[in-house]
Protein backbone atom coordinates (compact mmCIF):
# COMPACT_ATOMS: atom_id res chain seq x y z
CA MET A 1 42.19 33.86 146.11
CA MET A 2 42.24 35.20 142.55
CA VAL A 3 38.95 35.96 140.76
CA THR A 4 38.99 36.43 137.00
CA HIS A 5 36.95 36.19 133.80
CA VAL A 6 40.09 35.26 131.84
CA ILE A 7 40.97 31.61 131.23
CA PRO A 8 44.74 31.82 131.69
CA TYR A 9 45.69 28.41 130.30
CA PRO A 10 46.93 27.69 127.73
CA PRO A 11 48.28 31.26 127.71
CA ALA A 12 48.15 33.01 124.33
CA ALA A 13 46.83 36.59 124.61
CA GLY A 14 48.76 39.10 126.67
CA ASN A 15 46.34 39.14 129.61
CA GLU A 16 46.33 35.33 129.72
CA ILE A 17 50.12 35.25 129.86
CA ARG A 18 50.18 37.95 132.52
CA ILE A 19 47.76 36.08 134.81
CA PHE A 20 49.40 32.70 134.21
CA ASN A 21 52.86 34.06 135.01
CA MET A 22 51.53 35.55 138.24
CA LEU A 23 50.05 32.18 139.22
CA LYS A 24 53.41 30.54 138.54
CA TRP A 25 55.09 33.09 140.79
CA PHE A 26 52.61 32.44 143.60
CA ARG A 27 53.33 28.71 143.25
CA ARG A 28 57.08 29.37 143.38
CA LYS A 29 56.54 31.32 146.62
CA GLU A 30 54.55 28.36 147.99
CA TYR A 31 51.39 30.39 148.48
CA ARG A 32 48.20 28.37 148.65
CA VAL A 33 46.16 29.61 145.68
CA THR A 34 42.44 29.37 145.01
CA LEU A 35 41.54 30.37 141.45
CA VAL A 36 37.95 31.34 140.62
CA VAL A 37 37.16 31.65 136.90
CA ARG A 38 33.93 32.85 135.33
CA PRO A 39 34.43 33.18 131.56
CA LEU A 40 32.29 35.58 129.56
CA GLY A 41 29.62 34.65 127.06
CA ASN A 42 29.67 31.15 125.61
CA GLU A 43 33.34 30.48 126.23
CA GLU A 44 33.99 26.97 127.48
CA VAL A 45 36.79 25.91 129.78
CA SER A 46 38.47 22.93 128.14
CA ASN A 47 39.81 19.86 129.89
CA GLU A 48 43.26 21.01 128.77
CA SER A 49 42.77 24.27 130.66
CA VAL A 50 41.55 22.55 133.82
CA ILE A 51 44.39 20.02 133.84
CA GLY A 52 46.99 22.67 133.06
CA LEU A 53 45.79 25.07 135.76
CA HIS A 54 45.67 22.39 138.45
CA LYS A 55 49.47 22.22 138.28
CA PHE A 56 49.69 25.81 139.51
CA VAL A 57 46.73 26.26 141.87
CA ASP A 58 45.52 24.35 144.89
CA ASP A 59 41.81 24.85 144.31
CA LEU A 60 40.09 25.66 141.02
CA TYR A 61 36.47 26.78 140.74
CA VAL A 62 35.01 27.29 137.27
CA PHE A 63 31.59 28.90 136.77
CA ASP A 64 29.80 28.38 133.47
CA ALA A 65 28.54 31.74 132.24
CA ARG A 66 25.99 29.97 130.03
CA ALA A 67 24.16 28.61 133.06
CA LYS A 68 21.12 30.42 134.43
CA PRO A 69 21.51 30.18 138.20
CA ASP A 70 18.80 31.22 140.59
CA SER A 71 19.15 34.97 141.08
CA SER A 72 16.17 35.22 143.36
CA ALA A 73 16.19 37.39 146.44
CA GLU A 74 16.22 34.24 148.59
CA MET A 75 19.41 33.01 146.93
CA ILE A 76 21.24 36.35 147.09
CA GLY A 77 19.86 37.34 150.45
CA SER A 78 20.00 40.95 151.57
CA ARG A 79 23.41 41.45 149.97
CA VAL A 80 24.02 44.99 148.69
CA LEU A 81 26.20 44.64 145.60
CA ASP A 82 27.52 48.19 145.28
CA PRO A 83 27.29 49.83 148.70
CA ASP A 84 30.04 52.29 147.78
CA PHE A 85 28.11 54.12 145.01
CA GLN A 86 24.92 54.22 142.96
CA ASN A 87 25.44 54.21 139.21
CA ASP A 88 23.03 52.23 137.06
CA ARG A 89 25.30 52.15 134.02
CA VAL A 90 28.30 50.85 135.93
CA ALA A 91 26.08 48.41 137.81
CA GLU A 92 24.88 46.99 134.50
CA LEU A 93 28.45 46.75 133.22
CA GLN A 94 29.50 44.86 136.35
CA ASN A 95 26.55 42.51 135.96
CA GLY A 96 28.21 41.19 132.82
CA PHE A 97 31.29 40.18 134.79
CA CYS A 98 30.08 39.80 138.38
CA PRO A 99 26.33 39.10 138.37
CA PRO A 100 24.61 38.90 141.76
CA TRP A 101 24.56 35.10 141.90
CA PHE A 102 28.30 34.93 141.17
CA VAL A 103 29.15 37.50 143.85
CA SER A 104 27.11 35.47 146.33
CA ASP A 105 28.90 32.24 145.40
CA VAL A 106 32.32 33.88 145.65
CA ALA A 107 31.36 35.26 149.06
CA ASN A 108 30.57 31.72 150.19
CA LEU A 109 33.95 30.54 148.91
CA ILE A 110 35.69 33.34 150.78
CA GLN A 111 33.91 32.28 153.96
CA GLN A 112 35.02 28.67 153.41
CA LYS A 113 38.61 29.32 152.33
CA ARG A 114 39.35 32.39 154.48
CA PRO A 115 42.07 33.73 152.18
CA ASP A 116 44.61 36.27 153.35
CA VAL A 117 44.54 37.99 149.97
CA LEU A 118 41.63 38.58 147.58
CA LEU A 119 42.81 39.57 144.10
CA ALA A 120 40.41 40.76 141.38
CA GLU A 121 41.70 40.65 137.82
CA TYR A 122 40.60 43.88 136.12
CA VAL A 123 38.59 46.57 137.85
CA VAL A 124 35.35 45.09 136.47
CA MET A 125 35.72 42.09 138.80
CA SER A 126 36.11 44.31 141.87
CA ARG A 127 32.57 43.70 143.12
CA VAL A 128 33.83 40.61 144.93
CA LEU A 129 36.03 42.84 147.10
CA ASN A 130 32.94 44.52 148.56
CA VAL A 131 31.40 41.51 150.26
CA PRO A 132 31.44 41.47 154.08
CA GLU A 133 33.11 38.06 153.97
CA ALA A 134 36.23 39.78 152.55
CA THR A 135 36.74 41.82 155.72
CA GLY A 136 40.29 41.27 156.91
CA CYS A 137 41.57 40.24 153.48
CA LEU A 138 44.21 42.27 151.69
CA LYS A 139 42.15 43.48 148.73
CA VAL A 140 44.05 43.81 145.46
CA ILE A 141 43.00 44.89 141.97
CA ASP A 142 45.26 43.91 139.10
CA SER A 143 44.22 46.74 136.79
CA ILE A 144 46.01 45.41 133.64
CA GLU A 145 44.65 48.46 131.80
CA LEU A 146 42.77 51.66 132.60
CA PHE A 147 39.43 51.73 130.81
CA CYS A 148 38.99 55.45 131.40
CA ARG A 149 42.00 56.04 129.10
CA LEU A 150 41.08 53.45 126.49
CA LYS A 151 38.42 55.35 124.55
CA VAL A 152 40.54 58.48 124.08
CA THR A 153 43.54 56.42 122.98
CA LEU A 154 41.60 54.44 120.40
CA GLU A 155 39.66 57.33 118.94
CA LYS A 156 42.94 59.02 118.02
CA PHE A 157 43.46 56.22 115.52
CA GLY A 158 39.89 55.86 114.28
CA LEU A 159 39.13 52.74 116.32
CA VAL A 160 35.63 52.61 117.74
CA ASN A 161 35.24 49.12 119.21
CA TYR A 162 36.61 50.08 122.60
CA GLY A 163 34.20 47.90 124.56
CA LEU A 164 34.28 49.04 128.17
CA ASP A 165 33.97 52.78 128.55
CA LEU A 166 34.45 54.22 132.03
CA SER A 167 34.82 57.84 133.05
CA ASP A 168 37.62 58.87 135.38
CA GLU A 169 35.15 59.13 138.25
CA GLU A 170 33.62 55.71 137.56
CA GLU A 171 36.99 53.98 137.39
CA LYS A 172 38.07 55.81 140.53
CA LEU A 173 35.06 54.48 142.43
CA LEU A 174 35.85 50.92 141.39
CA LEU A 175 39.56 51.22 142.14
CA GLU A 176 38.81 52.53 145.64
CA ARG A 177 37.52 49.08 146.57
CA ALA A 178 41.12 47.86 146.79
CA ASP A 179 43.86 48.33 149.35
CA ILE A 180 46.50 47.82 146.67
CA ILE A 181 46.23 48.45 142.92
CA LEU A 182 48.67 46.84 140.52
CA ALA A 183 49.75 48.81 137.46
CA ILE A 184 51.33 46.91 134.59
CA GLN A 185 53.67 49.77 133.69
CA HIS A 186 54.91 53.12 134.95
CA LEU A 187 52.65 55.41 132.92
CA GLU A 188 49.54 53.71 134.25
CA TYR A 189 51.04 53.71 137.74
CA SER A 190 51.17 57.51 137.53
CA GLU A 191 47.58 57.66 136.28
CA ILE A 192 46.39 55.43 139.13
CA GLN A 193 48.16 57.61 141.68
CA LYS A 194 46.28 60.62 140.31
CA LEU A 195 42.92 58.82 140.30
CA VAL A 196 43.19 57.30 143.79
CA PRO A 197 45.97 59.06 145.71
CA ASP A 198 44.86 57.50 149.00
CA ARG A 199 45.38 53.94 147.73
CA ARG A 200 48.67 52.11 147.46
CA ALA A 201 49.77 51.52 143.88
CA LEU A 202 52.52 49.12 142.80
CA VAL A 203 54.16 48.67 139.42
CA THR A 204 53.78 44.95 138.84
CA GLY A 205 54.79 44.35 135.27
CA PHE A 206 55.35 41.25 133.26
CA ASP A 207 58.06 38.75 134.15
CA LEU A 208 60.07 37.00 131.47
CA ASP A 209 62.80 34.40 131.32
CA ILE A 210 65.70 34.99 128.97
CA ARG A 211 65.60 32.51 126.09
CA SER A 212 68.83 31.40 124.45
CA GLY A 213 67.71 30.51 120.93
CA GLU A 214 70.32 29.14 118.55
CA GLU A 215 71.35 31.63 115.87
CA GLN A 216 71.79 28.85 113.32
CA HIS A 217 68.04 28.22 113.49
CA ASN A 218 67.33 31.65 112.00
CA VAL A 219 65.73 31.58 108.57
CA ALA A 220 67.24 34.31 106.40
CA GLY A 221 64.67 36.99 105.64
CA ARG A 222 62.05 35.66 108.07
CA VAL A 223 59.89 38.32 109.74
CA LEU A 224 57.47 37.38 112.53
CA ILE A 225 54.25 38.87 113.91
CA ILE A 226 52.47 37.24 116.86
CA GLY A 227 49.15 38.55 118.12
CA SER A 228 45.63 37.97 119.36
CA GLU A 229 42.49 39.10 117.55
CA ASN A 230 41.87 42.37 119.37
CA GLU A 231 41.20 45.38 117.17
CA PHE A 232 44.64 46.91 117.81
CA ASN A 233 46.38 43.83 116.45
CA VAL A 234 44.02 43.31 113.53
CA ARG A 235 44.24 46.89 112.27
CA GLY A 236 47.98 47.09 112.81
CA THR A 237 48.74 43.76 111.17
CA GLN A 238 46.52 44.44 108.15
CA ASP A 239 48.13 47.85 107.66
CA PHE A 240 51.57 46.28 107.94
CA ILE A 241 50.72 43.70 105.27
CA ASP A 242 49.15 46.29 102.97
CA TYR A 243 51.58 49.18 103.29
CA THR A 244 54.86 48.20 104.94
CA TRP A 245 55.44 44.68 103.66
CA PRO A 246 55.63 45.70 99.95
CA LEU A 247 58.35 48.21 100.87
CA ILE A 248 60.33 45.47 102.61
CA LEU A 249 60.08 43.20 99.57
CA GLU A 250 61.54 45.97 97.42
CA GLN A 251 64.65 45.94 99.60
CA TYR A 252 64.78 42.23 100.36
CA PRO A 253 62.80 40.28 97.72
CA SER A 254 63.30 36.90 99.40
CA ALA A 255 61.77 38.03 102.71
CA THR A 256 58.93 35.97 104.19
CA LEU A 257 56.38 36.96 106.81
CA HIS A 258 54.85 34.57 109.34
CA VAL A 259 51.71 35.77 111.14
CA VAL A 260 50.98 33.62 114.19
CA GLY A 261 48.09 33.60 116.64
CA ARG A 262 44.41 34.48 116.49
CA VAL A 263 45.13 37.69 114.57
CA SER A 264 45.84 35.59 111.47
CA ARG A 265 42.15 34.64 111.31
CA CYS A 266 41.16 38.29 110.95
CA VAL A 267 43.56 39.58 108.28
CA HIS A 268 43.82 38.72 104.59
CA THR A 269 46.36 38.77 101.78
CA ASN A 270 47.09 37.09 98.46
CA ASP A 271 50.83 37.65 98.80
CA PRO A 272 52.60 34.25 98.60
CA SER A 273 55.43 35.55 100.80
CA VAL A 274 52.99 35.92 103.72
CA SER A 275 51.89 32.87 105.74
CA LEU A 276 48.85 33.24 108.02
CA LEU A 277 49.52 30.37 110.42
CA GLY A 278 47.08 30.73 113.33
CA PHE A 279 48.08 28.55 116.25
CA VAL A 280 51.37 26.69 115.88
CA ASP A 281 52.78 23.67 117.68
CA SER A 282 55.83 25.56 118.89
CA LEU A 283 55.94 29.30 119.42
CA GLU A 284 59.56 28.90 120.50
CA SER A 285 60.41 27.48 117.09
CA GLU A 286 58.82 30.49 115.38
CA TYR A 287 60.90 32.82 117.51
CA ASP A 288 64.07 30.81 116.84
CA GLN A 289 63.53 30.94 113.08
CA ALA A 290 62.68 34.64 112.94
CA SER A 291 65.36 37.10 111.88
CA VAL A 292 63.23 40.06 112.99
CA VAL A 293 60.11 40.27 115.18
CA VAL A 294 57.80 43.24 114.72
CA ASN A 295 54.97 44.78 116.70
CA PRO A 296 52.67 46.37 114.09
CA CYS A 297 50.22 47.95 116.56
CA ARG A 298 50.07 51.73 116.32
CA VAL A 299 47.93 52.00 119.43
CA GLY A 300 47.24 50.05 122.59
CA THR A 301 47.09 50.16 126.35
CA GLY A 302 49.08 48.59 129.12
CA LEU A 303 52.43 46.96 128.49
CA LYS A 304 53.12 45.68 124.96
CA ILE A 305 53.74 42.08 125.88
CA LYS A 306 54.69 40.90 122.39
CA THR A 307 57.44 43.52 122.35
CA VAL A 308 58.97 42.42 125.65
CA GLU A 309 58.64 38.75 124.65
CA ALA A 310 60.61 39.41 121.47
CA LEU A 311 63.29 41.21 123.48
CA ALA A 312 63.51 38.31 125.95
CA CYS A 313 64.17 36.00 123.00
CA GLY A 314 67.06 38.22 121.94
CA LYS A 315 65.40 39.15 118.67
CA PRO A 316 65.90 42.35 116.69
CA HIS A 317 62.64 44.22 117.05
CA VAL A 318 60.83 47.07 115.32
CA GLY A 319 57.69 48.79 116.63
CA TRP A 320 55.67 51.98 116.55
CA PRO A 321 55.98 54.59 119.34
CA ALA A 322 53.06 53.00 121.23
CA SER A 323 55.14 49.84 121.68
CA SER A 324 57.43 51.74 124.04
CA ASP A 325 54.73 52.72 126.56
CA GLY A 326 55.99 51.60 129.94
CA LEU A 327 59.44 50.80 128.52
CA ARG A 328 60.97 54.14 127.62
CA GLU A 329 60.76 55.15 131.30
CA LEU A 330 63.16 52.31 132.15
CA GLY A 331 66.09 53.45 130.01
CA GLU A 332 67.41 53.41 126.46
CA LEU A 333 65.21 51.22 124.28
CA PRO A 334 67.01 48.17 122.85
CA TYR A 335 65.02 48.15 119.61
CA VAL A 336 64.00 50.43 116.76
CA VAL A 337 60.96 52.70 117.08
CA ALA A 338 59.71 53.77 113.64
CA GLY A 339 57.88 56.99 112.83
CA ASP A 340 56.26 55.96 109.53
CA ALA A 341 55.92 53.00 107.17
CA VAL A 342 59.09 53.89 105.27
CA ASP A 343 61.16 54.05 108.47
CA PHE A 344 59.58 50.78 109.59
CA ALA A 345 60.48 49.01 106.34
CA ASP A 346 63.99 50.47 106.29
CA ALA A 347 64.69 49.28 109.83
CA ILE A 348 63.56 45.74 109.02
CA GLY A 349 65.54 45.74 105.78
CA GLU A 350 68.70 46.81 107.61
CA PHE A 351 68.31 44.00 110.14
CA LEU A 352 67.71 41.42 107.41
CA SER A 353 70.86 42.56 105.60
CA ASP A 354 73.18 42.86 108.61
CA PRO A 355 73.57 39.81 110.92
CA GLY A 356 76.09 41.69 113.06
CA LYS A 357 73.56 44.42 113.80
CA CYS A 358 71.03 41.71 114.69
CA ARG A 359 73.42 40.15 117.22
CA ASN A 360 74.19 43.54 118.76
CA TYR A 361 70.52 44.45 119.23
CA GLY A 362 69.70 40.95 120.47
CA ALA A 363 72.32 41.19 123.22
CA LYS A 364 71.10 44.64 124.28
CA ALA A 365 67.51 43.38 124.32
CA GLN A 366 68.23 40.51 126.69
CA LYS A 367 70.28 42.72 129.00
CA PHE A 368 67.34 45.14 129.18
CA ILE A 369 64.88 42.35 130.01
CA SER A 370 67.08 40.76 132.67
CA SER A 371 67.45 44.15 134.37
CA HIS A 372 63.77 45.09 134.44
CA PHE A 373 61.59 42.00 133.91
CA GLY A 374 63.01 39.29 136.13
CA ALA A 375 60.41 37.70 138.41
CA GLU A 376 62.00 39.01 141.62
CA VAL A 377 62.03 42.55 140.23
CA VAL A 378 58.43 42.36 138.99
CA TYR A 379 56.73 40.63 141.92
CA GLY A 380 59.02 41.57 144.82
CA PRO A 381 56.98 44.59 146.02
CA LEU A 382 53.70 42.65 145.80
CA SER A 383 55.13 39.69 147.71
CA ALA A 384 56.47 42.04 150.39
CA ALA A 385 53.01 43.62 150.78
CA ILE A 386 51.35 40.20 151.00
CA GLU A 387 53.78 38.91 153.59
CA GLU A 388 53.50 42.09 155.64
CA HIS A 389 49.72 41.70 155.69
CA VAL A 390 49.87 38.02 156.61
CA SER A 391 52.30 38.74 159.46
CA SER A 392 50.05 41.44 160.87
CA ARG A 393 46.97 39.24 160.53
CA HIS A 394 48.43 36.19 162.21
């Protein structure tokens, strides 16, 4: 049973893709999957999402966050929501994701379904692991990112909208609810080991299939950015348009920039060479047509999914040092890491002017992905832990 606030279909943002790919892997392994989704705020779950998810899960339960269920003592019973610690601030934070009525309903589902594994997406959904009904389940937290590191990382770059703010001790208390904690990359794996040394941590990254796009589909001079509307992407993309793109046009005047995804709704430009496209019918077509794919984010957490996606497509890629978090530990990077806007523009200009260099980097990129981001490599340790638990339980 997976419990999440993220609607993973259709997958667009990095966390949506991560969760959706994991569901696909569970389906491939023939696990019986119950997915419980409680979106935040006023977000609706579309018919498209429900139909799409039913192809990959056996049971789907969607809770409307806009509803006002009965949270009376009679409905919740004598359930203690946070028996492991008392912290009013963290309790209030969890109420936004796992309010008492939702925890009670999930507990009832656990009692009905009797899952072998209970997986909470993000540490803020970990309250469901505490219920007595989960006794005997293998309890897993898919951390995706560490909130206790987020504030410090963002403040270095003048970003203040960091949302969830947990101290090391607070995140530690939440992580301790799990038997196994999944880290999306090696740096965060090391941090988790330091925070909760008595819990088992696994690096469970992001699986990708190698795409064989046709080179003849490339549009000469086409540069591509794909991103969601989080503050990292918005700031990075706007800075790229304002400061780096003019330098590229000086070197390659016929260059064009396509900005795809929700980030395009949050940036602005009057430059006719820049197209803010939003959602597109075919992301694959955008990748095929791109001569270079860039990651303009100077800061971020977790694994930079748009970087590894570009590499899987065999595209020449340029990013800032932050794009290599969780990748540089794996070996020589198959793309260019720039130190400043001039270096960034020069690297893109060289790719646009040298098809042979593009082919060379594209081949190295796909070799890197196939070595480190195949599904068996990514999910093998998690599957082994699940199957070991199931064998011992039955």
